[in-house]
Amino acid sequence: MKILARSVKLFFLFTSFFMASFTLAESYIGIAYGNTDYGSQEDGSSYQIYGGYALSSTLSAQVSYINYGDVNDNVPPIWRVEAEAIEVAGIAKYELIHGINLIGIAGVSFWDLSLSEDGYGVIGVTDGSDLFYGIGLDLVASDKVSVIFEYKDYDISVQGVDISVDNISAGLKYQF
């Protein structure tokens, strides 16, 4: 049910960004695909959609939905961990050379995590919020399109247990 509620909120969020983009030339939207390392034997395939607003030529505010992918422990009984989040972040940009920008990312991740077991379904659900940071490259392909490469580090605390989660991704950003 939480996922449905978040999906509806996300729809309205991105609809707002899309509608605002017609009047705000500094708005952007993007998608990314990547790999999430949960520190286990298996990694998850992630995807992200986001929208943001350039506050200046070097600073942006961004809201994202990210699905970190799911991982199995591959030991009977097989347990599966699934995680997703809404992120609010600030992004700083520094031009290295013309068309290549170094980006720094810092923000808050509001995440949901579920644990399921084959044959039993979902056996545990938790949520929380934690800070994250990252670094990346923004390669300008045209005046409207950029190719983005990012690495983000999350230190998530689940019921007193600290988990380090890393995500590396590549994506496209379109500026209005």
N, C-alpha and C. Protein backbone atom coordinates (compact mmCIF):
# COMPACT_ATOMS: atom_id res chain seq x y z
N MET A 1 0.81 -1.20 0.00
CA MET A 1 0.00 0.00 0.00
C MET A 1 0.86 1.26 0.00
N LYS A 2 2.00 1.19 0.74
CA LYS A 2 2.89 2.35 0.78
C LYS A 2 3.43 2.66 -0.62
N ILE A 3 3.72 1.60 -1.38
CA ILE A 3 4.26 1.80 -2.72
C ILE A 3 3.24 2.49 -3.61
N LEU A 4 1.97 2.11 -3.51
CA LEU A 4 0.92 2.75 -4.29
C LEU A 4 0.80 4.22 -3.90
N ALA A 5 0.80 4.51 -2.61
CA ALA A 5 0.70 5.89 -2.15
C ALA A 5 1.89 6.71 -2.64
N ARG A 6 3.10 6.13 -2.57
CA ARG A 6 4.29 6.84 -3.05
C ARG A 6 4.24 7.03 -4.56
N SER A 7 3.70 6.06 -5.28
CA SER A 7 3.60 6.17 -6.73
C SER A 7 2.67 7.32 -7.11
N VAL A 8 1.56 7.45 -6.40
CA VAL A 8 0.63 8.55 -6.67
C VAL A 8 1.31 9.89 -6.35
N LYS A 9 2.01 9.97 -5.23
CA LYS A 9 2.73 11.20 -4.89
C LYS A 9 3.79 11.51 -5.93
N LEU A 10 4.49 10.48 -6.37
CA LEU A 10 5.53 10.66 -7.38
C LEU A 10 4.95 11.16 -8.69
N PHE A 11 3.79 10.62 -9.08
CA PHE A 11 3.13 11.07 -10.30
C PHE A 11 2.82 12.57 -10.21
N PHE A 12 2.25 13.00 -9.08
CA PHE A 12 1.93 14.41 -8.93
C PHE A 12 3.19 15.28 -8.86
N LEU A 13 4.24 14.75 -8.24
CA LEU A 13 5.50 15.48 -8.16
C LEU A 13 6.06 15.74 -9.55
N PHE A 14 6.16 14.70 -10.37
CA PHE A 14 6.73 14.87 -11.70
C PHE A 14 5.80 15.62 -12.64
N THR A 15 4.49 15.49 -12.45
CA THR A 15 3.56 16.29 -13.22
C THR A 15 3.79 17.77 -12.91
N SER A 16 4.00 18.08 -11.63
CA SER A 16 4.28 19.47 -11.24
C SER A 16 5.56 19.97 -11.88
N PHE A 17 6.62 19.14 -11.84
CA PHE A 17 7.88 19.54 -12.48
C PHE A 17 7.69 19.75 -13.98
N PHE A 18 6.95 18.85 -14.63
CA PHE A 18 6.74 18.94 -16.07
C PHE A 18 5.97 20.21 -16.41
N MET A 19 4.91 20.49 -15.66
CA MET A 19 4.10 21.69 -15.93
C MET A 19 4.91 22.96 -15.65
N ALA A 20 5.71 22.93 -14.58
CA ALA A 20 6.52 24.09 -14.25
C ALA A 20 7.61 24.33 -15.30
N SER A 21 8.01 23.29 -15.98
CA SER A 21 9.10 23.42 -16.95
C SER A 21 8.75 24.33 -18.11
N PHE A 22 7.48 24.48 -18.41
CA PHE A 22 7.10 25.35 -19.50
C PHE A 22 7.33 26.82 -19.17
N THR A 23 7.39 27.16 -17.90
CA THR A 23 7.62 28.54 -17.51
C THR A 23 8.98 28.75 -16.87
N LEU A 24 9.64 27.68 -16.47
CA LEU A 24 10.94 27.80 -15.82
C LEU A 24 12.00 27.14 -16.69
N ALA A 25 12.80 27.94 -17.36
CA ALA A 25 13.79 27.43 -18.30
C ALA A 25 14.89 26.64 -17.62
N GLU A 26 15.00 26.71 -16.30
CA GLU A 26 16.08 26.02 -15.58
C GLU A 26 15.68 24.64 -15.07
N SER A 27 14.51 24.14 -15.42
CA SER A 27 14.04 22.84 -14.95
C SER A 27 14.64 21.72 -15.79
N TYR A 28 14.70 20.52 -15.17
CA TYR A 28 15.18 19.36 -15.91
C TYR A 28 14.52 18.09 -15.37
N ILE A 29 14.54 17.06 -16.19
CA ILE A 29 14.08 15.73 -15.81
C ILE A 29 15.14 14.73 -16.28
N GLY A 30 15.12 13.53 -15.70
CA GLY A 30 16.10 12.54 -16.13
C GLY A 30 15.74 11.14 -15.70
N ILE A 31 16.46 10.21 -16.30
CA ILE A 31 16.34 8.80 -15.96
C ILE A 31 17.74 8.23 -15.83
N ALA A 32 17.87 7.17 -15.04
CA ALA A 32 19.17 6.52 -14.88
C ALA A 32 18.96 5.04 -14.61
N TYR A 33 19.94 4.26 -14.99
CA TYR A 33 19.95 2.83 -14.75
C TYR A 33 21.29 2.49 -14.11
N GLY A 34 21.29 1.62 -13.11
CA GLY A 34 22.55 1.34 -12.46
C GLY A 34 22.60 0.02 -11.72
N ASN A 35 23.57 -0.05 -10.83
CA ASN A 35 23.85 -1.24 -10.05
C ASN A 35 23.97 -0.85 -8.58
N THR A 36 23.27 -1.58 -7.71
CA THR A 36 23.32 -1.32 -6.28
C THR A 36 24.06 -2.45 -5.59
N ASP A 37 25.05 -2.09 -4.79
CA ASP A 37 25.83 -3.05 -4.01
C ASP A 37 25.36 -2.97 -2.57
N TYR A 38 24.70 -4.03 -2.11
CA TYR A 38 24.22 -4.11 -0.74
C TYR A 38 25.27 -4.67 0.20
N GLY A 39 26.46 -4.97 -0.31
CA GLY A 39 27.49 -5.59 0.52
C GLY A 39 27.29 -7.08 0.65
N SER A 40 26.45 -7.67 -0.21
CA SER A 40 26.21 -9.11 -0.19
C SER A 40 26.82 -9.73 -1.43
N GLN A 41 26.58 -11.01 -1.62
CA GLN A 41 27.13 -11.70 -2.78
C GLN A 41 26.48 -11.26 -4.08
N GLU A 42 25.28 -10.76 -4.03
CA GLU A 42 24.54 -10.39 -5.23
C GLU A 42 24.24 -8.89 -5.22
N ASP A 43 24.28 -8.27 -6.38
CA ASP A 43 23.95 -6.85 -6.52
C ASP A 43 22.58 -6.71 -7.16
N GLY A 44 21.95 -5.55 -6.95
CA GLY A 44 20.65 -5.29 -7.54
C GLY A 44 20.77 -4.32 -8.70
N SER A 45 19.88 -4.45 -9.68
CA SER A 45 19.82 -3.50 -10.79
C SER A 45 18.87 -2.39 -10.41
N SER A 46 19.35 -1.15 -10.46
CA SER A 46 18.54 -0.02 -10.00
C SER A 46 18.06 0.82 -11.19
N TYR A 47 16.98 1.55 -10.95
CA TYR A 47 16.57 2.58 -11.89
C TYR A 47 16.08 3.79 -11.11
N GLN A 48 16.18 4.94 -11.74
CA GLN A 48 15.87 6.21 -11.07
C GLN A 48 15.20 7.15 -12.07
N ILE A 49 14.19 7.89 -11.60
CA ILE A 49 13.63 9.01 -12.36
C ILE A 49 13.71 10.22 -11.46
N TYR A 50 13.98 11.36 -12.05
CA TYR A 50 14.16 12.56 -11.23
C TYR A 50 13.78 13.82 -11.98
N GLY A 51 13.60 14.86 -11.21
CA GLY A 51 13.35 16.19 -11.73
C GLY A 51 14.01 17.19 -10.82
N GLY A 52 14.39 18.32 -11.40
CA GLY A 52 15.07 19.31 -10.58
C GLY A 52 14.98 20.69 -11.17
N TYR A 53 15.59 21.61 -10.46
CA TYR A 53 15.58 23.02 -10.85
C TYR A 53 16.97 23.59 -10.57
N ALA A 54 17.56 24.24 -11.57
CA ALA A 54 18.86 24.87 -11.41
C ALA A 54 18.68 26.21 -10.71
N LEU A 55 19.18 26.30 -9.48
CA LEU A 55 19.08 27.54 -8.70
C LEU A 55 20.07 28.58 -9.21
N SER A 56 21.19 28.09 -9.75
CA SER A 56 22.22 28.94 -10.36
C SER A 56 22.97 28.09 -11.37
N SER A 57 24.04 28.61 -11.95
CA SER A 57 24.80 27.82 -12.92
C SER A 57 25.59 26.70 -12.24
N THR A 58 25.72 26.75 -10.91
CA THR A 58 26.51 25.74 -10.20
C THR A 58 25.73 24.95 -9.15
N LEU A 59 24.48 25.29 -8.87
CA LEU A 59 23.73 24.63 -7.80
C LEU A 59 22.31 24.30 -8.25
N SER A 60 21.89 23.05 -7.99
CA SER A 60 20.54 22.59 -8.34
C SER A 60 19.90 21.91 -7.14
N ALA A 61 18.56 21.92 -7.13
CA ALA A 61 17.78 21.15 -6.17
C ALA A 61 17.07 20.06 -6.96
N GLN A 62 17.05 18.83 -6.41
CA GLN A 62 16.53 17.70 -7.16
C GLN A 62 15.71 16.77 -6.27
N VAL A 63 14.64 16.21 -6.82
CA VAL A 63 13.82 15.20 -6.16
C VAL A 63 13.83 13.97 -7.05
N SER A 64 14.05 12.79 -6.46
CA SER A 64 14.19 11.55 -7.22
C SER A 64 13.37 10.43 -6.62
N TYR A 65 12.98 9.50 -7.48
CA TYR A 65 12.49 8.19 -7.04
C TYR A 65 13.54 7.20 -7.52
N ILE A 66 14.01 6.34 -6.62
CA ILE A 66 14.98 5.32 -7.00
C ILE A 66 14.52 3.97 -6.47
N ASN A 67 14.57 2.98 -7.33
CA ASN A 67 14.34 1.59 -6.95
C ASN A 67 15.72 0.94 -6.99
N TYR A 68 16.20 0.50 -5.84
CA TYR A 68 17.56 -0.03 -5.73
C TYR A 68 17.70 -1.44 -6.30
N GLY A 69 16.60 -2.06 -6.68
CA GLY A 69 16.65 -3.43 -7.15
C GLY A 69 16.52 -4.39 -5.98
N ASP A 70 16.35 -5.65 -6.29
CA ASP A 70 16.22 -6.64 -5.22
C ASP A 70 17.36 -7.64 -5.32
N VAL A 71 17.69 -8.20 -4.17
CA VAL A 71 18.75 -9.21 -4.10
C VAL A 71 18.25 -10.43 -3.33
N ASN A 72 18.77 -11.59 -3.71
CA ASN A 72 18.46 -12.85 -3.04
C ASN A 72 19.70 -13.34 -2.32
N ASP A 73 19.50 -14.11 -1.26
CA ASP A 73 20.67 -14.69 -0.59
C ASP A 73 21.08 -16.03 -1.22
N ASN A 74 20.22 -16.58 -2.11
CA ASN A 74 20.52 -17.82 -2.85
C ASN A 74 20.83 -19.02 -1.96
N VAL A 75 20.35 -19.01 -0.73
CA VAL A 75 20.51 -20.13 0.20
C VAL A 75 19.10 -20.51 0.67
N PRO A 76 18.68 -21.76 0.45
CA PRO A 76 17.33 -22.13 0.89
C PRO A 76 17.17 -21.99 2.39
N PRO A 77 16.08 -21.47 2.91
CA PRO A 77 15.01 -20.83 2.16
C PRO A 77 15.50 -19.47 1.62
N ILE A 78 15.18 -19.19 0.38
CA ILE A 78 15.68 -17.98 -0.28
C ILE A 78 14.96 -16.74 0.25
N TRP A 79 15.76 -15.80 0.74
CA TRP A 79 15.25 -14.51 1.22
C TRP A 79 15.55 -13.46 0.16
N ARG A 80 14.63 -12.52 0.00
CA ARG A 80 14.77 -11.45 -0.99
C ARG A 80 14.60 -10.11 -0.27
N VAL A 81 15.53 -9.19 -0.54
CA VAL A 81 15.45 -7.83 -0.02
C VAL A 81 15.13 -6.90 -1.19
N GLU A 82 14.12 -6.06 -1.00
CA GLU A 82 13.75 -5.06 -2.00
C GLU A 82 13.75 -3.70 -1.33
N ALA A 83 14.27 -2.68 -2.02
CA ALA A 83 14.35 -1.34 -1.44
C ALA A 83 14.06 -0.29 -2.50
N GLU A 84 13.44 0.80 -2.06
CA GLU A 84 13.16 1.95 -2.92
C GLU A 84 13.15 3.20 -2.05
N ALA A 85 13.26 4.36 -2.69
CA ALA A 85 13.34 5.59 -1.91
C ALA A 85 12.89 6.80 -2.71
N ILE A 86 12.50 7.82 -1.98
CA ILE A 86 12.34 9.17 -2.50
C ILE A 86 13.53 9.96 -1.95
N GLU A 87 14.23 10.67 -2.83
CA GLU A 87 15.41 11.42 -2.41
C GLU A 87 15.22 12.91 -2.68
N VAL A 88 15.72 13.71 -1.77
CA VAL A 88 15.77 15.16 -1.93
C VAL A 88 17.24 15.54 -1.79
N ALA A 89 17.78 16.22 -2.82
CA ALA A 89 19.22 16.46 -2.82
C ALA A 89 19.57 17.83 -3.38
N GLY A 90 20.74 18.28 -2.98
CA GLY A 90 21.37 19.44 -3.58
C GLY A 90 22.52 18.93 -4.44
N ILE A 91 22.70 19.55 -5.60
CA ILE A 91 23.75 19.13 -6.52
C ILE A 91 24.60 20.35 -6.87
N ALA A 92 25.90 20.24 -6.60
CA ALA A 92 26.85 21.29 -6.96
C ALA A 92 27.59 20.85 -8.21
N LYS A 93 27.84 21.80 -9.11
CA LYS A 93 28.48 21.49 -10.39
C LYS A 93 29.71 22.37 -10.57
N TYR A 94 30.81 21.75 -11.02
CA TYR A 94 32.05 22.49 -11.30
C TYR A 94 32.54 22.08 -12.69
N GLU A 95 32.73 23.06 -13.57
CA GLU A 95 33.17 22.76 -14.92
C GLU A 95 34.66 22.44 -14.94
N LEU A 96 34.99 21.20 -15.35
CA LEU A 96 36.39 20.78 -15.48
C LEU A 96 36.99 21.33 -16.77
N ILE A 97 36.34 21.02 -17.88
CA ILE A 97 36.64 21.61 -19.18
C ILE A 97 35.31 21.80 -19.88
N HIS A 98 35.31 22.50 -20.99
CA HIS A 98 34.06 22.77 -21.69
C HIS A 98 33.31 21.47 -22.00
N GLY A 99 32.10 21.35 -21.48
CA GLY A 99 31.25 20.19 -21.74
C GLY A 99 31.39 19.05 -20.75
N ILE A 100 32.34 19.14 -19.81
CA ILE A 100 32.52 18.10 -18.80
C ILE A 100 32.50 18.75 -17.42
N ASN A 101 31.49 18.37 -16.64
CA ASN A 101 31.30 18.95 -15.31
C ASN A 101 31.43 17.88 -14.24
N LEU A 102 32.12 18.21 -13.17
CA LEU A 102 32.18 17.37 -11.97
C LEU A 102 30.99 17.75 -11.10
N ILE A 103 30.25 16.76 -10.59
CA ILE A 103 29.11 17.07 -9.73
C ILE A 103 29.28 16.41 -8.37
N GLY A 104 28.83 17.11 -7.35
CA GLY A 104 28.77 16.60 -6.00
C GLY A 104 27.32 16.57 -5.56
N ILE A 105 26.92 15.52 -4.87
CA ILE A 105 25.52 15.32 -4.49
C ILE A 105 25.45 15.07 -2.99
N ALA A 106 24.50 15.72 -2.33
CA ALA A 106 24.24 15.45 -0.91
C ALA A 106 22.75 15.62 -0.66
N GLY A 107 22.18 14.72 0.14
CA GLY A 107 20.76 14.83 0.38
C GLY A 107 20.25 13.85 1.42
N VAL A 108 18.93 13.72 1.44
CA VAL A 108 18.24 12.82 2.36
C VAL A 108 17.45 11.81 1.55
N SER A 109 17.55 10.54 1.95
CA SER A 109 16.83 9.45 1.30
C SER A 109 15.75 8.95 2.25
N PHE A 110 14.50 8.97 1.79
CA PHE A 110 13.37 8.45 2.55
C PHE A 110 13.03 7.08 1.95
N TRP A 111 13.47 6.00 2.59
CA TRP A 111 13.47 4.69 1.98
C TRP A 111 12.47 3.73 2.63
N ASP A 112 12.08 2.73 1.83
CA ASP A 112 11.28 1.58 2.27
C ASP A 112 12.07 0.33 1.92
N LEU A 113 12.07 -0.64 2.83
CA LEU A 113 12.79 -1.88 2.62
C LEU A 113 11.88 -3.03 3.03
N SER A 114 11.82 -4.06 2.21
CA SER A 114 11.01 -5.22 2.57
C SER A 114 11.84 -6.49 2.44
N LEU A 115 11.55 -7.45 3.30
CA LEU A 115 12.21 -8.74 3.31
C LEU A 115 11.14 -9.80 3.07
N SER A 116 11.38 -10.65 2.08
CA SER A 116 10.42 -11.73 1.82
C SER A 116 11.16 -13.06 1.75
N GLU A 117 10.41 -14.12 1.97
CA GLU A 117 10.95 -15.48 1.92
C GLU A 117 10.11 -16.29 0.95
N ASP A 118 10.79 -17.04 0.08
CA ASP A 118 10.07 -17.89 -0.87
C ASP A 118 9.11 -18.80 -0.11
N GLY A 119 7.87 -18.83 -0.58
CA GLY A 119 6.86 -19.68 0.04
C GLY A 119 6.07 -18.99 1.13
N TYR A 120 6.58 -17.87 1.67
CA TYR A 120 5.88 -17.16 2.75
C TYR A 120 5.50 -15.74 2.38
N GLY A 121 6.12 -15.18 1.37
CA GLY A 121 5.84 -13.80 0.99
C GLY A 121 6.61 -12.84 1.88
N VAL A 122 6.07 -11.64 2.05
CA VAL A 122 6.74 -10.59 2.82
C VAL A 122 6.71 -10.95 4.30
N ILE A 123 7.89 -10.97 4.92
CA ILE A 123 7.97 -11.31 6.35
C ILE A 123 8.42 -10.13 7.20
N GLY A 124 8.83 -9.04 6.55
CA GLY A 124 9.23 -7.86 7.30
C GLY A 124 9.32 -6.64 6.41
N VAL A 125 8.87 -5.51 6.95
CA VAL A 125 8.91 -4.23 6.23
C VAL A 125 9.39 -3.18 7.20
N THR A 126 10.26 -2.31 6.72
CA THR A 126 10.71 -1.19 7.54
C THR A 126 10.96 0.00 6.64
N ASP A 127 11.00 1.17 7.22
CA ASP A 127 11.31 2.38 6.47
C ASP A 127 12.11 3.33 7.34
N GLY A 128 12.64 4.34 6.73
CA GLY A 128 13.43 5.31 7.47
C GLY A 128 13.95 6.40 6.56
N SER A 129 14.81 7.22 7.11
CA SER A 129 15.44 8.28 6.33
C SER A 129 16.89 8.40 6.78
N ASP A 130 17.76 8.59 5.83
CA ASP A 130 19.18 8.71 6.10
C ASP A 130 19.81 9.66 5.10
N LEU A 131 20.94 10.23 5.49
CA LEU A 131 21.70 11.11 4.61
C LEU A 131 22.48 10.28 3.59
N PHE A 132 22.74 10.85 2.44
CA PHE A 132 23.58 10.21 1.45
C PHE A 132 24.42 11.27 0.76
N TYR A 133 25.46 10.82 0.08
CA TYR A 133 26.32 11.73 -0.68
C TYR A 133 26.83 11.00 -1.91
N GLY A 134 27.34 11.76 -2.86
CA GLY A 134 27.84 11.14 -4.07
C GLY A 134 28.67 12.09 -4.90
N ILE A 135 29.18 11.55 -5.97
CA ILE A 135 30.01 12.30 -6.90
C ILE A 135 29.71 11.79 -8.30
N GLY A 136 29.95 12.61 -9.31
CA GLY A 136 29.67 12.14 -10.66
C GLY A 136 30.21 13.07 -11.73
N LEU A 137 29.88 12.73 -12.96
CA LEU A 137 30.23 13.52 -14.12
C LEU A 137 28.97 13.85 -14.91
N ASP A 138 28.90 15.07 -15.40
CA ASP A 138 27.82 15.55 -16.26
C ASP A 138 28.48 15.89 -17.59
N LEU A 139 28.22 15.03 -18.60
CA LEU A 139 28.80 15.23 -19.93
C LEU A 139 27.75 15.87 -20.82
N VAL A 140 27.98 17.10 -21.22
CA VAL A 140 27.02 17.86 -22.00
C VAL A 140 27.04 17.37 -23.45
N ALA A 141 25.91 16.79 -23.90
CA ALA A 141 25.80 16.30 -25.28
C ALA A 141 25.26 17.37 -26.22
N SER A 142 24.39 18.24 -25.70
CA SER A 142 23.83 19.36 -26.46
C SER A 142 23.37 20.40 -25.46
N ASP A 143 22.75 21.47 -25.96
CA ASP A 143 22.28 22.50 -25.03
C ASP A 143 21.12 22.02 -24.16
N LYS A 144 20.49 20.91 -24.52
CA LYS A 144 19.34 20.38 -23.77
C LYS A 144 19.61 19.02 -23.11
N VAL A 145 20.58 18.25 -23.59
CA VAL A 145 20.78 16.87 -23.14
C VAL A 145 22.17 16.68 -22.55
N SER A 146 22.21 15.97 -21.42
CA SER A 146 23.47 15.58 -20.79
C SER A 146 23.45 14.09 -20.48
N VAL A 147 24.62 13.49 -20.51
CA VAL A 147 24.80 12.12 -20.05
C VAL A 147 25.41 12.21 -18.66
N ILE A 148 24.79 11.53 -17.70
CA ILE A 148 25.18 11.63 -16.30
C ILE A 148 25.72 10.29 -15.80
N PHE A 149 26.87 10.33 -15.13
CA PHE A 149 27.43 9.16 -14.45
C PHE A 149 27.54 9.53 -12.97
N GLU A 150 26.99 8.68 -12.09
CA GLU A 150 26.98 9.00 -10.66
C GLU A 150 27.38 7.80 -9.81
N TYR A 151 28.03 8.11 -8.70
CA TYR A 151 28.28 7.15 -7.63
C TYR A 151 27.68 7.76 -6.37
N LYS A 152 26.80 7.00 -5.68
CA LYS A 152 26.21 7.48 -4.43
C LYS A 152 26.43 6.46 -3.32
N ASP A 153 26.69 6.97 -2.12
CA ASP A 153 26.92 6.13 -0.95
C ASP A 153 25.84 6.41 0.08
N TYR A 154 25.20 5.34 0.54
CA TYR A 154 24.14 5.44 1.53
C TYR A 154 24.59 4.65 2.76
N ASP A 155 24.50 5.24 3.92
CA ASP A 155 24.74 4.53 5.17
C ASP A 155 23.39 4.45 5.87
N ILE A 156 22.72 3.32 5.68
CA ILE A 156 21.35 3.12 6.15
C ILE A 156 21.38 2.42 7.50
N SER A 157 20.57 2.89 8.42
CA SER A 157 20.45 2.25 9.73
C SER A 157 19.08 1.59 9.82
N VAL A 158 19.07 0.25 9.89
CA VAL A 158 17.83 -0.53 9.98
C VAL A 158 17.79 -1.21 11.33
N GLN A 159 16.90 -0.74 12.20
CA GLN A 159 16.71 -1.30 13.54
C GLN A 159 18.04 -1.46 14.27
N GLY A 160 18.85 -0.40 14.23
CA GLY A 160 20.12 -0.38 14.94
C GLY A 160 21.28 -1.03 14.22
N VAL A 161 21.04 -1.61 13.04
CA VAL A 161 22.11 -2.23 12.26
C VAL A 161 22.47 -1.30 11.10
N ASP A 162 23.74 -0.92 11.02
CA ASP A 162 24.19 -0.04 9.94
C ASP A 162 24.53 -0.87 8.71
N ILE A 163 24.00 -0.44 7.56
CA ILE A 163 24.22 -1.12 6.29
C ILE A 163 24.77 -0.09 5.31
N SER A 164 25.88 -0.42 4.67
CA SER A 164 26.45 0.45 3.65
C SER A 164 25.94 -0.01 2.29
N VAL A 165 25.30 0.90 1.57
CA VAL A 165 24.75 0.61 0.25
C VAL A 165 25.38 1.58 -0.74
N ASP A 166 25.91 1.05 -1.84
CA ASP A 166 26.52 1.88 -2.88
C ASP A 166 25.73 1.72 -4.16
N ASN A 167 25.57 2.82 -4.91
CA ASN A 167 24.87 2.78 -6.18
C ASN A 167 25.70 3.51 -7.22
N ILE A 168 25.91 2.87 -8.36
CA ILE A 168 26.59 3.50 -9.48
C ILE A 168 25.62 3.47 -10.65
N SER A 169 25.49 4.58 -11.38
CA SER A 169 24.49 4.63 -12.44
C SER A 169 24.94 5.52 -13.59
N ALA A 170 24.26 5.31 -14.72
CA ALA A 170 24.44 6.13 -15.91
C ALA A 170 23.04 6.53 -16.38
N GLY A 171 22.90 7.76 -16.85
CA GLY A 171 21.58 8.20 -17.26
C GLY A 171 21.61 9.37 -18.20
N LEU A 172 20.41 9.82 -18.55
CA LEU A 172 20.22 10.97 -19.42
C LEU A 172 19.42 12.03 -18.70
N LYS A 173 19.81 13.29 -18.90
CA LYS A 173 19.11 14.43 -18.32
C LYS A 173 18.68 15.35 -19.45
N TYR A 174 17.43 15.79 -19.40
CA TYR A 174 16.90 16.73 -20.39
C TYR A 174 16.54 18.04 -19.71
N GLN A 175 17.11 19.14 -20.18
CA GLN A 175 16.84 20.47 -19.62
C GLN A 175 15.85 21.20 -20.50
N PHE A 176 14.87 21.85 -19.85
CA PHE A 176 13.85 22.61 -20.59
C PHE A 176 14.33 24.00 -20.88
